[in-house]
């Protein structure tokens, strides 16, 4: 890892949010989800940020469907 990339990573907001908790909406509010308890889980802030960095505002079901399609495409290549 280059010195520049190490600096960029160390300045990332993940480092500054470690130890904090966030509510994660299972169905995002921007997509019609509510603030009710059944639609939220508590994640530490590091994992919450990582989720959105990797998956954006996709729901769990959408992520599973995407991963299954990718697996199927890979299997069909051979």
PDB file of N, CA and C in Angstrom:
ATOM      1  N   UNK A   1       0.849  -1.172   0.000  1.00  0.00           N
ATOM      2  CA  UNK A   1       0.000   0.000   0.000  1.00  0.00           C
ATOM      3  C   UNK A   1       0.898   1.240   0.000  1.00  0.00           C
ATOM      4  N   UNK A   2       0.581   2.160  -0.871  1.00  0.00           N
ATOM      5  CA  UNK A   2       1.423   3.354  -0.955  1.00  0.00           C
ATOM      6  C   UNK A   2       1.200   4.260   0.251  1.00  0.00           C
ATOM      7  N   UNK A   3       2.160   5.124   0.472  1.00  0.00           N
ATOM      8  CA  UNK A   3       2.072   6.067   1.590  1.00  0.00           C
ATOM      9  C   UNK A   3       0.819   6.930   1.446  1.00  0.00           C
ATOM     10  N   UNK A   4       0.536   7.339   0.211  1.00  0.00           N
ATOM     11  CA  UNK A   4      -0.646   8.180  -0.041  1.00  0.00           C
ATOM     12  C   UNK A   4      -1.932   7.430   0.326  1.00  0.00           C
ATOM     13  N   UNK A   5      -2.049   6.152  -0.076  1.00  0.00           N
ATOM     14  CA  UNK A   5      -3.243   5.367   0.237  1.00  0.00           C
ATOM     15  C   UNK A   5      -3.375   5.122   1.736  1.00  0.00           C
ATOM     16  N   UNK A   6      -2.247   4.875   2.421  1.00  0.00           N
ATOM     17  CA  UNK A   6      -2.313   4.698   3.881  1.00  0.00           C
ATOM     18  C   UNK A   6      -2.844   5.950   4.545  1.00  0.00           C
ATOM     19  N   UNK A   7      -2.384   7.112   4.108  1.00  0.00           N
ATOM     20  CA  UNK A   7      -2.844   8.378   4.678  1.00  0.00           C
ATOM     21  C   UNK A   7      -4.345   8.541   4.429  1.00  0.00           C
ATOM     22  N   UNK A   8      -4.770   8.275   3.202  1.00  0.00           N
ATOM     23  CA  UNK A   8      -6.175   8.417   2.850  1.00  0.00           C
ATOM     24  C   UNK A   8      -7.023   7.492   3.723  1.00  0.00           C
ATOM     25  N   UNK A   9      -6.580   6.222   3.890  1.00  0.00           N
ATOM     26  CA  UNK A   9      -7.327   5.263   4.697  1.00  0.00           C
ATOM     27  C   UNK A   9      -7.381   5.695   6.156  1.00  0.00           C
ATOM     28  N   UNK A  10      -6.280   6.176   6.689  1.00  0.00           N
ATOM     29  CA  UNK A  10      -6.258   6.556   8.100  1.00  0.00           C
ATOM     30  C   UNK A  10      -7.139   7.772   8.376  1.00  0.00           C
ATOM     31  N   UNK A  11      -7.352   8.589   7.383  1.00  0.00           N
ATOM     32  CA  UNK A  11      -8.215   9.762   7.546  1.00  0.00           C
ATOM     33  C   UNK A  11      -9.684   9.447   7.311  1.00  0.00           C
ATOM     34  N   UNK A  12      -9.981   8.229   6.890  1.00  0.00           N
ATOM     35  CA  UNK A  12     -11.353   7.873   6.557  1.00  0.00           C
ATOM     36  C   UNK A  12     -12.243   7.969   7.791  1.00  0.00           C
ATOM     37  N   UNK A  13     -13.501   8.260   7.560  1.00  0.00           N
ATOM     38  CA  UNK A  13     -14.431   8.443   8.681  1.00  0.00           C
ATOM     39  C   UNK A  13     -14.590   7.184   9.526  1.00  0.00           C
ATOM     40  N   UNK A  14     -14.281   5.977   8.981  1.00  0.00           N
ATOM     41  CA  UNK A  14     -14.383   4.767   9.792  1.00  0.00           C
ATOM     42  C   UNK A  14     -13.592   4.919  11.083  1.00  0.00           C
ATOM     43  N   UNK A  15     -12.382   5.393  10.971  1.00  0.00           N
ATOM     44  CA  UNK A  15     -11.491   5.516  12.118  1.00  0.00           C
ATOM     45  C   UNK A  15     -12.110   6.405  13.193  1.00  0.00           C
ATOM     46  N   UNK A  16     -12.727   7.468  12.773  1.00  0.00           N
ATOM     47  CA  UNK A  16     -13.267   8.444  13.719  1.00  0.00           C
ATOM     48  C   UNK A  16     -14.583   8.003  14.349  1.00  0.00           C
ATOM     49  N   UNK A  17     -15.252   7.000  13.750  1.00  0.00           N
ATOM     50  CA  UNK A  17     -16.555   6.597  14.258  1.00  0.00           C
ATOM     51  C   UNK A  17     -16.497   5.316  15.066  1.00  0.00           C
ATOM     52  N   UNK A  18     -15.343   4.695  15.159  1.00  0.00           N
ATOM     53  CA  UNK A  18     -15.233   3.426  15.891  1.00  0.00           C
ATOM     54  C   UNK A  18     -15.732   3.592  17.318  1.00  0.00           C
ATOM     55  N   UNK A  19     -16.497   2.629  17.778  1.00  0.00           N
ATOM     56  CA  UNK A  19     -17.024   2.680  19.138  1.00  0.00           C
ATOM     57  C   UNK A  19     -18.433   3.244  19.228  1.00  0.00           C
ATOM     58  N   UNK A  20     -18.939   3.821  18.170  1.00  0.00           N
ATOM     59  CA  UNK A  20     -20.293   4.368  18.156  1.00  0.00           C
ATOM     60  C   UNK A  20     -21.250   3.365  17.536  1.00  0.00           C
ATOM     61  N   UNK A  21     -22.538   3.466  17.871  1.00  0.00           N
ATOM     62  CA  UNK A  21     -23.574   2.613  17.291  1.00  0.00           C
ATOM     63  C   UNK A  21     -24.513   3.434  16.429  1.00  0.00           C
ATOM     64  N   UNK A  22     -25.061   2.789  15.416  1.00  0.00           N
ATOM     65  CA  UNK A  22     -26.036   3.423  14.527  1.00  0.00           C
ATOM     66  C   UNK A  22     -27.211   2.483  14.333  1.00  0.00           C
ATOM     67  N   UNK A  23     -28.355   3.052  14.032  1.00  0.00           N
ATOM     68  CA  UNK A  23     -29.515   2.271  13.624  1.00  0.00           C
ATOM     69  C   UNK A  23     -29.442   2.120  12.106  1.00  0.00           C
ATOM     70  N   UNK A  24     -29.533   0.883  11.637  1.00  0.00           N
ATOM     71  CA  UNK A  24     -29.535   0.606  10.206  1.00  0.00           C
ATOM     72  C   UNK A  24     -30.954   0.206   9.819  1.00  0.00           C
ATOM     73  N   UNK A  25     -31.500   0.859   8.816  1.00  0.00           N
ATOM     74  CA  UNK A  25     -32.843   0.538   8.340  1.00  0.00           C
ATOM     75  C   UNK A  25     -32.770  -0.638   7.374  1.00  0.00           C
ATOM     76  N   UNK A  26     -33.540  -1.685   7.638  1.00  0.00           N
ATOM     77  CA  UNK A  26     -33.560  -2.848   6.762  1.00  0.00           C
ATOM     78  C   UNK A  26     -34.129  -2.470   5.396  1.00  0.00           C
ATOM     79  N   UNK A  27     -35.188  -1.697   5.407  1.00  0.00           N
ATOM     80  CA  UNK A  27     -35.701  -1.081   4.175  1.00  0.00           C
ATOM     81  C   UNK A  27     -35.423   0.416   4.335  1.00  0.00           C
ATOM     82  N   UNK A  28     -34.556   0.971   3.492  1.00  0.00           N
ATOM     83  CA  UNK A  28     -34.148   2.366   3.655  1.00  0.00           C
ATOM     84  C   UNK A  28     -35.332   3.339   3.669  1.00  0.00           C
ATOM     85  N   UNK A  29     -35.228   4.354   4.493  1.00  0.00           N
ATOM     86  CA  UNK A  29     -36.271   5.371   4.554  1.00  0.00           C
ATOM     87  C   UNK A  29     -36.462   6.032   3.196  1.00  0.00           C
ATOM     88  N   UNK A  30     -35.373   6.170   2.439  1.00  0.00           N
ATOM     89  CA  UNK A  30     -35.452   6.799   1.121  1.00  0.00           C
ATOM     90  C   UNK A  30     -36.250   5.943   0.131  1.00  0.00           C
ATOM     91  N   UNK A  31     -36.509   4.684   0.523  1.00  0.00           N
ATOM     92  CA  UNK A  31     -37.263   3.775  -0.333  1.00  0.00           C
ATOM     93  C   UNK A  31     -38.551   3.318   0.351  1.00  0.00           C
ATOM     94  N   UNK A  32     -39.066   4.161   1.230  1.00  0.00           N
ATOM     95  CA  UNK A  32     -40.353   3.878   1.858  1.00  0.00           C
ATOM     96  C   UNK A  32     -40.298   3.173   3.190  1.00  0.00           C
ATOM     97  N   UNK A  33     -39.120   2.912   3.721  1.00  0.00           N
ATOM     98  CA  UNK A  33     -38.990   2.253   5.013  1.00  0.00           C
ATOM     99  C   UNK A  33     -39.385   3.183   6.154  1.00  0.00           C
ATOM    100  N   UNK A  34     -39.734   2.596   7.276  1.00  0.00           N
ATOM    101  CA  UNK A  34     -40.168   3.376   8.435  1.00  0.00           C
ATOM    102  C   UNK A  34     -39.107   3.370   9.526  1.00  0.00           C
ATOM    103  N   UNK A  35     -39.371   4.145  10.576  1.00  0.00           N
ATOM    104  CA  UNK A  35     -38.496   4.179  11.746  1.00  0.00           C
ATOM    105  C   UNK A  35     -38.934   3.174  12.814  1.00  0.00           C
ATOM    106  N   UNK A  36     -39.874   2.312  12.494  1.00  0.00           N
ATOM    107  CA  UNK A  36     -40.353   1.327  13.471  1.00  0.00           C
ATOM    108  C   UNK A  36     -39.258   0.309  13.785  1.00  0.00           C
ATOM    109  N   UNK A  37     -39.355  -0.264  14.972  1.00  0.00           N
ATOM    110  CA  UNK A  37     -38.312  -1.195  15.451  1.00  0.00           C
ATOM    111  C   UNK A  37     -38.093  -2.384  14.519  1.00  0.00           C
ATOM    112  N   UNK A  38     -39.188  -2.896  13.915  1.00  0.00           N
ATOM    113  CA  UNK A  38     -39.045  -4.070  13.056  1.00  0.00           C
ATOM    114  C   UNK A  38     -38.223  -3.767  11.800  1.00  0.00           C
ATOM    115  N   UNK A  39     -38.033  -2.507  11.477  1.00  0.00           N
ATOM    116  CA  UNK A  39     -37.284  -2.111  10.290  1.00  0.00           C
ATOM    117  C   UNK A  39     -35.866  -1.638  10.621  1.00  0.00           C
ATOM    118  N   UNK A  40     -35.422  -1.832  11.840  1.00  0.00           N
ATOM    119  CA  UNK A  40     -34.103  -1.345  12.235  1.00  0.00           C
ATOM    120  C   UNK A  40     -33.300  -2.432  12.957  1.00  0.00           C
ATOM    121  N   UNK A  41     -31.997  -2.380  12.754  1.00  0.00           N
ATOM    122  CA  UNK A  41     -31.067  -3.161  13.565  1.00  0.00           C
ATOM    123  C   UNK A  41     -29.977  -2.199  14.011  1.00  0.00           C
ATOM    124  N   UNK A  42     -29.332  -2.532  15.106  1.00  0.00           N
ATOM    125  CA  UNK A  42     -28.237  -1.703  15.602  1.00  0.00           C
ATOM    126  C   UNK A  42     -26.917  -2.311  15.152  1.00  0.00           C
ATOM    127  N   UNK A  43     -26.107  -1.493  14.506  1.00  0.00           N
ATOM    128  CA  UNK A  43     -24.770  -1.890  14.077  1.00  0.00           C
ATOM    129  C   UNK A  43     -23.775  -0.903  14.648  1.00  0.00           C
ATOM    130  N   UNK A  44     -22.557  -1.376  14.904  1.00  0.00           N
ATOM    131  CA  UNK A  44     -21.572  -0.376  15.271  1.00  0.00           C
ATOM    132  C   UNK A  44     -21.321   0.487  14.035  1.00  0.00           C
ATOM    133  N   UNK A  45     -20.921   1.714  14.256  1.00  0.00           N
ATOM    134  CA  UNK A  45     -20.818   2.689  13.178  1.00  0.00           C
ATOM    135  C   UNK A  45     -19.857   2.244  12.080  1.00  0.00           C
ATOM    136  N   UNK A  46     -18.805   1.536  12.451  1.00  0.00           N
ATOM    137  CA  UNK A  46     -17.840   1.040  11.467  1.00  0.00           C
ATOM    138  C   UNK A  46     -18.530   0.103  10.477  1.00  0.00           C
ATOM    139  N   UNK A  47     -19.289  -0.858  10.990  1.00  0.00           N
ATOM    140  CA  UNK A  47     -19.978  -1.819  10.118  1.00  0.00           C
ATOM    141  C   UNK A  47     -21.102  -1.153   9.335  1.00  0.00           C
ATOM    142  N   UNK A  48     -21.777  -0.204   9.943  1.00  0.00           N
ATOM    143  CA  UNK A  48     -22.838   0.514   9.244  1.00  0.00           C
ATOM    144  C   UNK A  48     -22.275   1.274   8.043  1.00  0.00           C
ATOM    145  N   UNK A  49     -21.179   1.971   8.243  1.00  0.00           N
ATOM    146  CA  UNK A  49     -20.538   2.679   7.131  1.00  0.00           C
ATOM    147  C   UNK A  49     -20.054   1.698   6.068  1.00  0.00           C
ATOM    148  N   UNK A  50     -19.473   0.572   6.508  1.00  0.00           N
ATOM    149  CA  UNK A  50     -18.975  -0.424   5.561  1.00  0.00           C
ATOM    150  C   UNK A  50     -20.120  -1.000   4.731  1.00  0.00           C
ATOM    151  N   UNK A  51     -21.251  -1.268   5.374  1.00  0.00           N
ATOM    152  CA  UNK A  51     -22.425  -1.783   4.644  1.00  0.00           C
ATOM    153  C   UNK A  51     -22.780  -0.841   3.500  1.00  0.00           C
ATOM    154  N   UNK A  52     -22.920   0.448   3.804  1.00  0.00           N
ATOM    155  CA  UNK A  52     -23.326   1.409   2.778  1.00  0.00           C
ATOM    156  C   UNK A  52     -22.238   1.624   1.736  1.00  0.00           C
ATOM    157  N   UNK A  53     -20.999   1.519   2.133  1.00  0.00           N
ATOM    158  CA  UNK A  53     -19.902   1.623   1.175  1.00  0.00           C
ATOM    159  C   UNK A  53     -19.963   0.464   0.178  1.00  0.00           C
ATOM    160  N   UNK A  54     -20.232  -0.736   0.668  1.00  0.00           N
ATOM    161  CA  UNK A  54     -20.274  -1.912  -0.198  1.00  0.00           C
ATOM    162  C   UNK A  54     -21.588  -2.081  -0.948  1.00  0.00           C
ATOM    163  N   UNK A  55     -22.709  -1.840  -0.272  1.00  0.00           N
ATOM    164  CA  UNK A  55     -24.010  -2.198  -0.828  1.00  0.00           C
ATOM    165  C   UNK A  55     -24.956  -1.037  -1.081  1.00  0.00           C
ATOM    166  N   UNK A  56     -24.556   0.166  -0.761  1.00  0.00           N
ATOM    167  CA  UNK A  56     -25.443   1.314  -0.977  1.00  0.00           C
ATOM    168  C   UNK A  56     -26.721   1.176  -0.169  1.00  0.00           C
ATOM    169  N   UNK A  57     -27.852   1.424  -0.806  1.00  0.00           N
ATOM    170  CA  UNK A  57     -29.143   1.345  -0.121  1.00  0.00           C
ATOM    171  C   UNK A  57     -29.933   0.099  -0.501  1.00  0.00           C
ATOM    172  N   UNK A  58     -29.231  -0.955  -0.932  1.00  0.00           N
ATOM    173  CA  UNK A  58     -29.921  -2.207  -1.249  1.00  0.00           C
ATOM    174  C   UNK A  58     -30.384  -2.881   0.033  1.00  0.00           C
ATOM    175  N   UNK A  59     -31.513  -3.596  -0.073  1.00  0.00           N
ATOM    176  CA  UNK A  59     -32.005  -4.377   1.061  1.00  0.00           C
ATOM    177  C   UNK A  59     -31.255  -5.703   1.105  1.00  0.00           C
ATOM    178  N   UNK A  60     -31.410  -6.435   2.211  1.00  0.00           N
ATOM    179  CA  UNK A  60     -30.767  -7.742   2.340  1.00  0.00           C
ATOM    180  C   UNK A  60     -31.219  -8.679   1.222  1.00  0.00           C
ATOM    181  N   UNK A  61     -32.522  -8.693   0.937  1.00  0.00           N
ATOM    182  CA  UNK A  61     -33.045  -9.570  -0.110  1.00  0.00           C
ATOM    183  C   UNK A  61     -32.441  -9.232  -1.471  1.00  0.00           C
ATOM    184  N   UNK A  62     -32.273  -7.957  -1.757  1.00  0.00           N
ATOM    185  CA  UNK A  62     -31.677  -7.550  -3.028  1.00  0.00           C
ATOM    186  C   UNK A  62     -30.214  -7.984  -3.113  1.00  0.00           C
ATOM    187  N   UNK A  63     -29.489  -7.869  -2.016  1.00  0.00           N
ATOM    188  CA  UNK A  63     -28.083  -8.280  -1.986  1.00  0.00           C
ATOM    189  C   UNK A  63     -27.983  -9.790  -2.225  1.00  0.00           C
ATOM    190  N   UNK A  64     -28.836 -10.560  -1.571  1.00  0.00           N
ATOM    191  CA  UNK A  64     -28.826 -12.014  -1.750  1.00  0.00           C
ATOM    192  C   UNK A  64     -29.121 -12.357  -3.207  1.00  0.00           C
ATOM    193  N   UNK A  65     -30.097 -11.704  -3.800  1.00  0.00           N
ATOM    194  CA  UNK A  65     -30.446 -11.961  -5.201  1.00  0.00           C
ATOM    195  C   UNK A  65     -29.275 -11.631  -6.137  1.00  0.00           C
ATOM    196  N   UNK A  66     -28.620 -10.513  -5.908  1.00  0.00           N
ATOM    197  CA  UNK A  66     -27.470 -10.116  -6.720  1.00  0.00           C
ATOM    198  C   UNK A  66     -26.346 -11.148  -6.602  1.00  0.00           C
ATOM    199  N   UNK A  67     -26.052 -11.572  -5.370  1.00  0.00           N
ATOM    200  CA  UNK A  67     -24.988 -12.555  -5.156  1.00  0.00           C
ATOM    201  C   UNK A  67     -25.330 -13.900  -5.793  1.00  0.00           C
ATOM    202  N   UNK A  68     -26.592 -14.300  -5.731  1.00  0.00           N
ATOM    203  CA  UNK A  68     -26.998 -15.559  -6.353  1.00  0.00           C
ATOM    204  C   UNK A  68     -26.847 -15.496  -7.872  1.00  0.00           C
ATOM    205  N   UNK A  69     -27.222 -14.340  -8.469  1.00  0.00           N
ATOM    206  CA  UNK A  69     -27.057 -14.181  -9.917  1.00  0.00           C
ATOM    207  C   UNK A  69     -25.587 -14.217 -10.315  1.00  0.00           C
ATOM    208  N   UNK A  70     -24.733 -13.577  -9.519  1.00  0.00           N
ATOM    209  CA  UNK A  70     -23.297 -13.606  -9.802  1.00  0.00           C
ATOM    210  C   UNK A  70     -22.742 -15.020  -9.715  1.00  0.00           C
ATOM    211  N   UNK A  71     -23.159 -15.758  -8.703  1.00  0.00           N
ATOM    212  CA  UNK A  71     -22.709 -17.144  -8.538  1.00  0.00           C
ATOM    213  C   UNK A  71     -23.149 -17.987  -9.735  1.00  0.00           C
ATOM    214  N   UNK A  72     -24.397 -17.814 -10.150  1.00  0.00           N
ATOM    215  CA  UNK A  72     -24.918 -18.578 -11.277  1.00  0.00           C
ATOM    216  C   UNK A  72     -24.142 -18.245 -12.568  1.00  0.00           C
ATOM    217  N   UNK A  73     -23.840 -16.969 -12.798  1.00  0.00           N
ATOM    218  CA  UNK A  73     -23.072 -16.585 -13.980  1.00  0.00           C
ATOM    219  C   UNK A  73     -21.676 -17.217 -13.953  1.00  0.00           C
ATOM    220  N   UNK A  74     -21.060 -17.206 -12.786  1.00  0.00           N
ATOM    221  CA  UNK A  74     -19.735 -17.807 -12.667  1.00  0.00           C
ATOM    222  C   UNK A  74     -19.783 -19.298 -12.944  1.00  0.00           C
ATOM    223  N   UNK A  75     -20.783 -19.980 -12.421  1.00  0.00           N
ATOM    224  CA  UNK A  75     -20.911 -21.423 -12.633  1.00  0.00           C
ATOM    225  C   UNK A  75     -21.181 -21.747 -14.106  1.00  0.00           C
ATOM    226  N   UNK A  76     -21.889 -20.876 -14.802  1.00  0.00           N
ATOM    227  CA  UNK A  76     -22.214 -21.109 -16.205  1.00  0.00           C
ATOM    228  C   UNK A  76     -21.033 -20.822 -17.133  1.00  0.00           C
ATOM    229  N   UNK A  77     -19.990 -20.203 -16.626  1.00  0.00           N
ATOM    230  CA  UNK A  77     -18.816 -19.911 -17.447  1.00  0.00           C
ATOM    231  C   UNK A  77     -17.982 -21.148 -17.693  1.00  0.00           C
ATOM    232  N   UNK A  78     -18.119 -22.147 -16.860  1.00  0.00           N
ATOM    233  CA  UNK A  78     -17.280 -23.342 -16.982  1.00  0.00           C
ATOM    234  C   UNK A  78     -18.039 -24.509 -17.549  1.00  0.00           C
TER     235      UNK A  78
END
